[in-house]
Structures are given as C-alpha cells and as structure tokens.
C-alpha cells in the first residue's frame, strides 16, 4: 500500500511539472513583445535622425510600462534619451530623485540603445547645448545638464570633466543632485602622477666651504609623486667638487696634502616635499622643503679596501628650501594591453629647481659652509600632469 501511494505521489509531481512547463511555454506577454519591437523601432528612428517619431515611440513605451514591474529602458538609456529628445525637465527630475528612480530600471541585454543614443548626441551636441541654454531651467539644473552632456559625448571621465565637477561643487555645495553625483556619475579623482627623471645639477659651495672647493656640474636622478596639490620627490645628485685652495690635513698616520683641482666625491640624497602654487595643464610651480644626507669625501685610493682611509669633509644631515618649476613638453596616450584596452596617459616635461641647503655640521671648522644648487631634469611621467 505504501509503495502504491509513493508511486501515485511521484506520478502526480511529474504531471504537475509538465503542466507548469506547458503553461510557461504557452504564456505570451503582449507588453513584452510591444516593448521589444518598440525598442527596435526607436533605434531605427534614432539612426535615421527622425527625432519627432523617436519622441512618439519613447513616450508610448514609457507610458506603456509606467505601472509595470519593469520599465522599457535602462537608467542610462532613459537619461540619454531625455537629453537627446530635449526632455530636460524629466531628465533633471530623474537625476535629482536618483534613489527613487534607479531601482525600478532594468537592463535589456537583447537590444542596447545606448550606443545609438550616444552616437546621435555626439552629432547633436551643439544643438542640445543651445537648447539647454534656452530652457527655463535653473542655473544649477543647466550646469548639471551641460556636465552630463559633456560626459556622454566624451564617453569618459577626463580632466575637463573633473574640472567641471569641481567648479559645480564650488558653486553648489548643497546641491540637490547629491545622490546622482555620488552614486551615478564618475567620482572626481585627485590629479595623480608619478615621474622619473635624470639631468644635471650645478652645485655651489658657500662660506668657507666655497673658499676651499670650486663649484661644479654633477648629475641627478629623481622619482616624483604628485597628488593633488602635494609635490614630493625622492632624489639624488652626485659628482665631484674640485679643490680650489690647496690644503693639508694631519690624520693619525700622516699629513695629507690636497692640491688644486683634486677631486672630492660629492653626494646628497633625500626627499623633497612641497605644495603646488600653480598646477595646470602646462606648468607647475611649487616651493618645497628638503631633508637629506650630504657627503664630501676624498678620492685618493683605488682599492676598495682602502676606502676607510678616505677623508670626509662632510658627512652630515642637511635641510633646505627650494623652488620647482616644471614645463610640459608634450603628452601622449600609451596603449595598455592589460587594462581592458584603456590607454595610460603619459607626458614628457622639463623640470627646473633651485635651492639652498644648510649643512648641519662639517668635519673641519675650516670648511664650514652650505650648498646652493640649480637643477635641470628631463622627466617622463605617468598620469595627469
């Protein structure tokens, strides 16, 4: 008896499943067919630039799905269509009330209207911009529509977009578009770049140090980091300073005499930190502070084992102040095969620096002094200049 009941239960389950399957197969949602065909027809009219008919189709589909659990367009498509068809009040309302509208939208993977919308907005940019200017919207609404139009036409968030958004935030700190900006539009990023450089340095000893050693040209290397208004750099400059006035030094072993033009190895390396007084597309100007280590050592021995016998004139902590000016020569976009095809912004620039470093302590009172310098460096950077 139990086996018979189990068999009947299994048979009933299969019968119910078959019935549900047949009901699903036979079910036809007329609204879904109308929406699918309507989207195709709308796309055709957009590509034909028949915007009056496109407006009729858009309004019909929007009304048809107003009370449905799904809408005829995605949020991207709806905003783009309202912009293209000059329904600016509707666009503004849906942007202001982003949190209310966005969850209702669905994405139709079968027919994506956005490429056609974006293509037509590129062609109609001037006309749409003029229509925004002539509309009766508030200045805040107009400014947001200008930004959105630029973003759609550019098809990316670039430096111009970031500049426009920063200006918008300054003008409207308590904007009614807060949710739309924070949750939908690309976030405003700090201008970030990193650059490598090499160049030449003019080193000018001062005080008693300048009386004992001549100025000279050395080389320098640097690695810069620019984040927003903050400038920082890891750097090294190295080379030689020649003896100007012969002198003798008595160490524990012997008296050593250094003749005129004898080379001493000069090296300083450290970090610069500054603030951009000017940072735009073409030029940087930034005062900075510097912390580093500085050494000036004799170069008497060829054998590395004898280096411990070299004479140190300077082996000290150093601090200073300076000014950087950097001029962009050109920029370009380098293809990035590992970044979904997106390019990497790069630039080449020429950096000039001048400053004065105060040496905390020299090894001999006879050489007390500091160092002034100028540097010219060719830079290769990545990111936003």
Foldseek 3Di string as FASTA:
>chain_A
DVVVVVVVVVVVVVVVVVVVVVCVVPDDDVLVVLLVVLLVVLLVCLVVVVLVVNVVSVVVQQVSCVPPQEGSAAPLVVLLNCLLSVVLVVNLVCLLPVVVPRVSYDHDPVDHSLVSSLVSLLVCVVVSLVSLVVDPDDPLSSLVSNLVSVCSNVVHCDPVSLVSVVVSCVVCVPDSSVCSQVPPNDDRAWFKKKKKKKFKKWKQWDDLQNVFWPIDIWMKIKIWIDTHFKTKIWMKTWDWIWTQCWDWDQDPPGIDIHDGGATWIKMKTWMKIWTWPDDDQFKTKTKIKTKIWIWTWHDDDPDPVCRVVIDTFGTFIKIWIKMKMKGWPDKDWDFDPPPPRGTWIKTKIKMKMWIWMQGPDTPDPSNHTTMTMMIIMIMIMTTRD
